[in-house]
Amino acid sequence: MAKTYANPIPAPAWEDADGNYSNAGYDKRCAQYRADTLAYIKSTLGGKGKYAGRVISFQVADGYAQYMLWTLTKWIHLDEVDGYRASDATIRGTRSTDVVAMIEGQDSLRKLFASKA
């Protein structure tokens, strides 16, 4: 049975410093947000497992609820884009074997669509 935790790292701002929005700017802030969350998991929470820092996601409405793994059953919410959260039933019903299968599936898709250049 999995459990989620709030992320103490502030969510990335939508706007650039000049008050406008750009995809590149937001993507850069999200990358920094994930790096800071990973550092928090590894240093403060002592996340050391093989899957610590990997991201899993669940389809919600028109987007995804995303979580960074602390352990296979402890996840930190990533408040990016719409900040969706998976339902409590989905989270409670997700076993560690399900998480491993999700990660292996992601890795297989990345490998399948990797550039052959």
Protein backbone atom coordinates (compact mmCIF):
# COMPACT_ATOMS: atom_id res chain seq x y z
CA MET A 1 0.00 0.00 0.00
CA ALA A 2 1.55 3.27 -1.15
CA LYS A 3 1.46 6.63 0.60
CA THR A 4 2.05 10.10 -0.80
CA TYR A 5 3.64 13.10 0.86
CA ALA A 6 3.49 16.81 0.13
CA ASN A 7 6.57 18.28 -1.49
CA PRO A 8 8.27 20.93 0.69
CA ILE A 9 9.99 22.36 -2.40
CA PRO A 10 7.93 25.28 -3.80
CA ALA A 11 6.24 24.54 -7.13
CA PRO A 12 7.81 26.17 -10.20
CA ALA A 13 6.40 29.56 -11.15
CA TRP A 14 4.40 29.79 -14.38
CA GLU A 15 5.81 33.11 -15.49
CA ASP A 16 9.33 34.01 -16.48
CA ALA A 17 11.07 36.84 -14.63
CA ASP A 18 9.65 39.35 -17.15
CA GLY A 19 6.06 38.26 -16.34
CA ASN A 20 5.52 36.40 -19.62
CA TYR A 21 5.17 32.67 -20.14
CA SER A 22 7.46 30.55 -22.30
CA ASN A 23 7.58 26.76 -22.60
CA ALA A 24 11.37 26.76 -22.47
CA GLY A 25 11.42 28.85 -19.30
CA TYR A 26 8.80 26.72 -17.56
CA ASP A 27 10.54 23.49 -18.60
CA LYS A 28 13.79 24.83 -17.13
CA ARG A 29 12.05 25.70 -13.83
CA CYS A 30 10.43 22.24 -13.73
CA ALA A 31 13.82 20.58 -14.29
CA GLN A 32 15.26 22.58 -11.38
CA TYR A 33 12.20 21.70 -9.25
CA ARG A 34 12.76 17.99 -9.92
CA ALA A 35 16.49 18.29 -9.18
CA ASP A 36 15.72 20.05 -5.88
CA THR A 37 13.12 17.40 -5.01
CA LEU A 38 15.62 14.63 -5.75
CA ALA A 39 18.23 16.35 -3.55
CA TYR A 40 15.63 16.58 -0.75
CA ILE A 41 14.80 12.88 -1.09
CA LYS A 42 18.43 11.79 -1.08
CA SER A 43 19.82 14.14 1.58
CA THR A 44 16.98 14.85 3.99
CA LEU A 45 14.90 11.68 3.65
CA GLY A 46 17.83 9.33 3.06
CA GLY A 47 16.42 7.89 -0.16
CA LYS A 48 18.99 5.36 -1.36
CA GLY A 49 17.04 2.69 -3.19
CA LYS A 50 17.45 1.72 -6.81
CA TYR A 51 14.26 3.57 -7.73
CA ALA A 52 14.67 6.66 -5.53
CA GLY A 53 14.15 9.73 -7.68
CA ARG A 54 12.28 7.97 -10.48
CA VAL A 55 8.98 9.56 -11.52
CA ILE A 56 5.70 7.71 -11.96
CA SER A 57 2.48 9.18 -13.26
CA PHE A 58 -1.23 8.45 -13.35
CA GLN A 59 -3.70 9.77 -15.93
CA VAL A 60 -6.06 12.33 -14.37
CA ALA A 61 -8.56 14.38 -16.41
CA ASP A 62 -6.56 16.03 -19.22
CA GLY A 63 -3.15 15.55 -17.61
CA TYR A 64 -1.15 13.49 -15.17
CA ALA A 65 -0.61 13.20 -11.45
CA GLN A 66 3.14 12.83 -11.01
CA TYR A 67 5.12 11.53 -8.08
CA MET A 68 8.83 11.17 -7.42
CA LEU A 69 9.72 7.97 -5.59
CA TRP A 70 11.29 8.10 -2.18
CA THR A 71 10.79 4.33 -1.88
CA LEU A 72 8.52 2.02 -3.86
CA THR A 73 5.66 2.77 -1.47
CA LYS A 74 6.48 6.35 -0.41
CA TRP A 75 6.09 9.05 -3.03
CA ILE A 76 6.56 12.83 -3.12
CA HIS A 77 3.96 14.76 -5.11
CA LEU A 78 5.26 16.86 -8.02
CA ASP A 79 3.18 20.03 -8.32
CA GLU A 80 3.85 20.75 -11.99
CA VAL A 81 1.45 22.04 -14.67
CA ASP A 82 -2.04 21.50 -13.17
CA GLY A 83 -0.75 19.79 -10.01
CA TYR A 84 -3.16 16.88 -10.35
CA ARG A 85 -3.22 14.20 -7.66
CA ALA A 86 -4.23 10.57 -8.12
CA SER A 87 -7.24 9.36 -6.17
CA ASP A 88 -6.66 7.97 -2.71
CA ALA A 89 -7.98 4.58 -3.84
CA THR A 90 -5.50 4.44 -6.70
CA ILE A 91 -2.61 5.31 -4.42
CA ARG A 92 -3.62 2.85 -1.69
CA GLY A 93 -4.13 0.09 -4.28
CA THR A 94 -0.74 0.49 -5.92
CA ARG A 95 1.69 -2.19 -4.79
CA SER A 96 5.46 -2.04 -5.00
CA THR A 97 5.35 -4.65 -7.78
CA ASP A 98 3.02 -2.34 -9.73
CA VAL A 99 5.51 0.53 -9.37
CA VAL A 100 8.37 -1.64 -10.63
CA ALA A 101 6.24 -2.69 -13.61
CA MET A 102 5.43 0.96 -14.37
CA ILE A 103 9.10 1.93 -14.30
CA GLU A 104 10.13 -1.03 -16.45
CA GLY A 105 7.40 -0.09 -18.93
CA GLN A 106 8.69 3.50 -19.08
CA ASP A 107 12.22 2.25 -19.64
CA SER A 108 11.07 -0.09 -22.41
CA LEU A 109 9.25 2.74 -24.20
CA ARG A 110 12.28 5.03 -23.92
CA LYS A 111 14.46 2.30 -25.33
CA LEU A 112 12.02 1.55 -28.14
CA PHE A 113 11.78 5.19 -29.22
CA ALA A 114 15.39 6.13 -28.56
CA SER A 115 17.19 7.89 -31.35
CA LYS A 116 19.25 5.56 -33.51
CA ALA A 117 21.62 8.37 -34.50
